[in-house]
Amino acid sequence: MAFKDDRYSKWAYSPYTYPYYRNFPPIEVTRFQHSAVACTNLMKEGQKLLDKVNQDAQFAHELKDAAQKNDQSHVHALIQRAGITSPFHIAYTPDALRVDLNTGNEDSCSELTVKLCW
């Protein structure tokens, strides 16, 4: 659709020619690869929790019950009992439990979120 109003005609085309080329710094992947390793370890931790919930109905019941009662210290202890050794943050709503696993290292930006709906 073309604009017939002159107020918009100056914006019809960009003053830059495309493709616009810009020099980027050389690509360094060391930190990226370290983050991938950290996330792989976090995924293993998350898998422990998922396996425990899936295979142990009593554990799943106790975890959901503690969350519904807003007993955060008990929920935290249960997640650690599932084998989680990485630092984590928990949040729960009437719909789900969310566990944010991280490396605990300030230099690392790696984290993994596991969300389980109930």
Protein backbone atom coordinates (compact mmCIF):
# COMPACT_ATOMS: atom_id res chain seq x y z
CA MET A 1 0.00 0.00 0.00
CA ALA A 2 1.48 3.32 -1.04
CA PHE A 3 0.99 6.42 1.06
CA LYS A 4 -0.34 9.41 -0.82
CA ASP A 5 0.34 11.72 2.06
CA ASP A 6 3.75 13.43 1.76
CA ARG A 7 4.29 13.14 5.51
CA TYR A 8 5.08 9.46 5.08
CA SER A 9 6.86 9.49 1.73
CA LYS A 10 10.27 10.28 3.23
CA TRP A 11 10.09 7.01 5.22
CA ALA A 12 9.20 4.83 2.25
CA TYR A 13 12.82 3.78 1.75
CA SER A 14 15.66 3.43 4.20
CA PRO A 15 18.66 5.72 3.60
CA TYR A 16 20.92 2.69 4.05
CA THR A 17 21.67 0.30 1.28
CA TYR A 18 21.04 -3.31 2.20
CA PRO A 19 22.60 -5.58 3.02
CA TYR A 20 24.28 -3.35 5.56
CA TYR A 21 27.69 -4.77 6.35
CA ARG A 22 29.35 -4.33 9.69
CA ASN A 23 32.61 -5.67 10.97
CA PHE A 24 32.09 -8.08 13.83
CA PRO A 25 34.84 -9.17 16.24
CA PRO A 26 36.36 -12.59 15.63
CA ILE A 27 34.21 -15.39 16.98
CA GLU A 28 35.43 -16.91 20.24
CA VAL A 29 33.57 -20.03 21.35
CA THR A 30 35.38 -21.04 24.54
CA ARG A 31 32.80 -19.57 26.93
CA PHE A 32 30.00 -20.85 24.72
CA GLN A 33 31.40 -24.38 24.92
CA HIS A 34 31.90 -24.16 28.69
CA SER A 35 28.27 -23.10 28.98
CA ALA A 36 27.23 -26.15 26.94
CA VAL A 37 29.16 -28.43 29.31
CA ALA A 38 27.59 -26.74 32.32
CA CYS A 39 24.10 -27.11 30.84
CA THR A 40 24.75 -30.77 30.08
CA ASN A 41 25.55 -31.30 33.76
CA LEU A 42 22.44 -29.37 34.78
CA MET A 43 20.36 -31.53 32.45
CA LYS A 44 21.66 -34.63 34.23
CA GLU A 45 20.63 -33.07 37.54
CA GLY A 46 17.19 -32.25 36.16
CA GLN A 47 16.85 -35.80 34.88
CA LYS A 48 17.42 -37.10 38.42
CA LEU A 49 14.47 -35.06 39.65
CA LEU A 50 12.25 -36.10 36.76
CA ASP A 51 13.11 -39.77 37.25
CA LYS A 52 12.38 -39.55 40.98
CA VAL A 53 8.98 -37.94 40.41
CA ASN A 54 8.15 -40.40 37.63
CA GLN A 55 9.24 -43.56 39.42
CA ASP A 56 8.28 -42.81 43.03
CA ALA A 57 4.61 -41.98 43.55
CA GLN A 58 5.15 -41.46 47.29
CA PHE A 59 7.89 -38.90 46.57
CA ALA A 60 5.68 -37.13 44.00
CA HIS A 61 2.81 -37.01 46.48
CA GLU A 62 5.02 -35.67 49.26
CA LEU A 63 6.56 -33.02 46.96
CA LYS A 64 3.19 -31.77 45.71
CA ASP A 65 1.73 -31.82 49.22
CA ALA A 66 4.63 -29.77 50.63
CA ALA A 67 4.35 -27.27 47.78
CA GLN A 68 0.59 -26.90 48.26
CA LYS A 69 1.19 -26.24 51.95
CA ASN A 70 3.84 -23.66 51.01
CA ASP A 71 6.44 -25.56 53.03
CA GLN A 72 9.41 -24.26 51.07
CA SER A 73 12.07 -25.80 53.30
CA HIS A 74 10.50 -29.25 52.93
CA VAL A 75 10.19 -28.84 49.14
CA HIS A 76 13.85 -27.81 49.04
CA ALA A 77 14.86 -30.84 51.13
CA LEU A 78 12.84 -33.20 48.93
CA ILE A 79 14.48 -31.90 45.77
CA GLN A 80 17.89 -32.38 47.36
CA ARG A 81 16.80 -35.89 48.39
CA ALA A 82 16.13 -36.59 44.70
CA GLY A 83 19.86 -36.17 44.13
CA ILE A 84 20.10 -32.52 43.11
CA THR A 85 23.47 -31.13 44.17
CA SER A 86 23.54 -27.97 42.04
CA PRO A 87 22.21 -24.71 43.46
CA PHE A 88 18.56 -24.20 42.58
CA HIS A 89 15.60 -21.92 43.12
CA ILE A 90 12.06 -23.20 43.42
CA ALA A 91 8.74 -21.60 42.66
CA TYR A 92 5.30 -23.12 42.63
CA THR A 93 1.84 -22.06 41.69
CA PRO A 94 -1.51 -23.84 41.88
CA ASP A 95 -0.67 -25.18 38.40
CA ALA A 96 2.99 -26.15 38.48
CA LEU A 97 6.34 -26.56 40.18
CA ARG A 98 9.32 -24.77 38.64
CA VAL A 99 12.90 -25.60 39.53
CA ASP A 100 15.63 -23.31 38.21
CA LEU A 101 18.96 -25.12 38.32
CA ASN A 102 22.16 -23.12 37.96
CA THR A 103 25.87 -23.66 38.26
CA GLY A 104 26.25 -21.37 41.25
CA ASN A 105 29.18 -19.74 39.51
CA GLU A 106 28.85 -15.99 38.97
CA ASP A 107 30.96 -16.17 35.80
CA SER A 108 28.65 -18.74 34.26
CA CYS A 109 25.34 -17.71 32.80
CA SER A 110 24.21 -21.31 32.41
CA GLU A 111 20.93 -22.37 33.90
CA LEU A 112 18.17 -24.86 33.27
CA THR A 113 14.52 -24.56 34.18
CA VAL A 114 12.38 -27.63 34.82
CA LYS A 115 8.65 -27.00 35.00
CA LEU A 116 6.29 -29.74 36.08
CA CYS A 117 2.54 -29.16 35.86
CA TRP A 118 0.16 -30.83 38.24
